[in-house]
C-alpha atoms as a PDB file:
ATOM      1  CA  MET A   1     170.928 159.650 167.682  1.00  0.00           C
ATOM      2  CA  ARG A   2     174.200 160.101 165.957  1.00  0.00           C
ATOM      3  CA  ALA A   3     174.497 159.547 162.219  1.00  0.00           C
ATOM      4  CA  GLN A   4     177.541 158.000 160.621  1.00  0.00           C
ATOM      5  CA  VAL A   5     178.628 158.431 157.017  1.00  0.00           C
ATOM      6  CA  LYS A   6     179.400 155.200 155.173  1.00  0.00           C
ATOM      7  CA  ARG A   7     181.323 155.059 151.924  1.00  0.00           C
ATOM      8  CA  HIS A   8     180.419 152.443 149.347  1.00  0.00           C
ATOM      9  CA  ALA A   9     182.915 150.840 146.969  1.00  0.00           C
ATOM     10  CA  SER A  10     181.434 153.048 144.241  1.00  0.00           C
ATOM     11  CA  GLY A  11     182.501 156.117 146.214  1.00  0.00           C
ATOM     12  CA  ALA A  12     178.918 157.049 147.095  1.00  0.00           C
ATOM     13  CA  GLN A  13     178.234 158.183 150.641  1.00  0.00           C
ATOM     14  CA  GLU A  14     175.272 157.215 152.793  1.00  0.00           C
ATOM     15  CA  ARG A  15     174.263 158.469 156.240  1.00  0.00           C
ATOM     16  CA  THR A  16     173.482 155.647 158.637  1.00  0.00           C
ATOM     17  CA  ILE A  17     172.177 155.589 162.185  1.00  0.00           C
ATOM     18  CA  ARG A  18     173.050 152.806 164.600  1.00  0.00           C
ATOM     19  CA  ALA A  19     170.113 151.261 166.452  1.00  0.00           C
ATOM     20  CA  SER A  20     169.897 148.610 169.119  1.00  0.00           C
ATOM     21  CA  ILE A  21     166.913 146.296 168.706  1.00  0.00           C
ATOM     22  CA  SER A  22     165.716 143.142 170.436  1.00  0.00           C
ATOM     23  CA  PHE A  23     164.120 140.062 168.872  1.00  0.00           C
ATOM     24  CA  PRO A  24     162.308 137.083 170.327  1.00  0.00           C
ATOM     25  CA  GLU A  25     164.769 134.187 170.392  1.00  0.00           C
ATOM     26  CA  ASP A  26     162.983 132.212 167.670  1.00  0.00           C
ATOM     27  CA  GLN A  27     163.042 135.172 165.259  1.00  0.00           C
ATOM     28  CA  TYR A  28     166.718 135.796 165.975  1.00  0.00           C
ATOM     29  CA  GLN A  29     167.562 132.154 165.221  1.00  0.00           C
ATOM     30  CA  VAL A  30     165.739 132.359 161.886  1.00  0.00           C
ATOM     31  CA  LEU A  31     167.564 135.595 161.008  1.00  0.00           C
ATOM     32  CA  GLU A  32     170.918 133.990 161.865  1.00  0.00           C
ATOM     33  CA  LYS A  33     170.088 130.960 159.705  1.00  0.00           C
ATOM     34  CA  ILE A  34     169.159 133.185 156.749  1.00  0.00           C
ATOM     35  CA  ALA A  35     172.407 135.130 157.164  1.00  0.00           C
ATOM     36  CA  VAL A  36     174.548 131.974 157.248  1.00  0.00           C
ATOM     37  CA  GLU A  37     172.756 130.420 154.259  1.00  0.00           C
ATOM     38  CA  ASN A  38     173.240 133.585 152.199  1.00  0.00           C
ATOM     39  CA  LYS A  39     176.773 134.325 153.479  1.00  0.00           C
ATOM     40  CA  VAL A  40     175.807 137.814 154.638  1.00  0.00           C
ATOM     41  CA  SER A  41     175.691 139.523 158.014  1.00  0.00           C
ATOM     42  CA  LEU A  42     172.644 139.411 160.235  1.00  0.00           C
ATOM     43  CA  ALA A  43     172.543 143.214 159.974  1.00  0.00           C
ATOM     44  CA  TRP A  44     172.283 142.906 156.184  1.00  0.00           C
ATOM     45  CA  VAL A  45     169.338 140.494 156.541  1.00  0.00           C
ATOM     46  CA  VAL A  46     167.541 142.927 158.866  1.00  0.00           C
ATOM     47  CA  ARG A  47     168.219 145.928 156.588  1.00  0.00           C
ATOM     48  CA  ASP A  48     166.995 143.943 153.564  1.00  0.00           C
ATOM     49  CA  ALA A  49     163.811 142.931 155.413  1.00  0.00           C
ATOM     50  CA  ILE A  50     163.147 146.524 156.465  1.00  0.00           C
ATOM     51  CA  ASP A  51     163.760 147.737 152.919  1.00  0.00           C
ATOM     52  CA  GLY A  52     161.211 145.211 151.616  1.00  0.00           C
ATOM     53  CA  TYR A  53     158.701 146.204 154.292  1.00  0.00           C
ATOM     54  CA  LEU A  54     159.022 149.908 153.491  1.00  0.00           C
ATOM     55  CA  LYS A  55     158.672 149.281 149.751  1.00  0.00           C
ATOM     56  CA  ALA A  56     155.520 147.224 150.373  1.00  0.00           C
ATOM     57  CA  LYS A  57     154.023 149.673 152.880  1.00  0.00           C
ATOM     58  CA  TRP A  58     154.902 152.832 150.933  1.00  0.00           C
ATOM     59  CA  PRO A  59     155.607 151.756 147.330  1.00  0.00           C
ATOM     60  CA  LEU A  60     155.856 155.349 146.095  1.00  0.00           C
ATOM     61  CA  LEU A  61     158.380 156.299 148.770  1.00  0.00           C
ATOM     62  CA  PRO A  62     161.381 157.845 147.008  1.00  0.00           C
ATOM     63  CA  GLN A  63     164.657 156.054 147.707  1.00  0.00           C
ATOM     64  CA  GLY A  64     166.500 157.718 150.562  1.00  0.00           C
ATOM     65  CA  THR A  65     163.406 159.333 152.117  1.00  0.00           C
ATOM     66  CA  ASP A  66     163.170 158.693 155.804  1.00  0.00           C
ATOM     67  CA  ALA A  67     160.349 156.537 157.144  1.00  0.00           C
ATOM     68  CA  GLU A  68     159.073 159.210 159.538  1.00  0.00           C
ATOM     69  CA  ASP A  69     158.441 161.588 156.627  1.00  0.00           C
ATOM     70  CA  ALA A  70     156.665 158.785 154.778  1.00  0.00           C
ATOM     71  CA  GLN A  71     154.462 158.033 157.773  1.00  0.00           C
ATOM     72  CA  GLN A  72     153.491 161.692 158.130  1.00  0.00           C
ATOM     73  CA  THR A  73     152.646 161.842 154.425  1.00  0.00           C
ATOM     74  CA  SER A  74     150.581 158.658 154.740  1.00  0.00           C
ATOM     75  CA  GLU A  75     148.680 160.046 157.734  1.00  0.00           C
ATOM     76  CA  ARG A  76     147.802 163.236 155.842  1.00  0.00           C
ATOM     77  CA  ALA A  77     146.296 161.288 152.911  1.00  0.00           C
END
């Protein structure tokens, strides 16, 4: 995997990794509808959903910690 560095309007930098994922057609249609209704990209909707999932699954996960580290920590507990 190759990380990219994104710059935010605030000047902050964030490492991102591009991933290719597949969805069942019905899920994809719902994601597209949500994106259109909220005037955001489908990628934003997916990132927001993943962020919510990670916060619910690992509520004490520090911001910016990668999910693999969190899973290993969870497995040790």
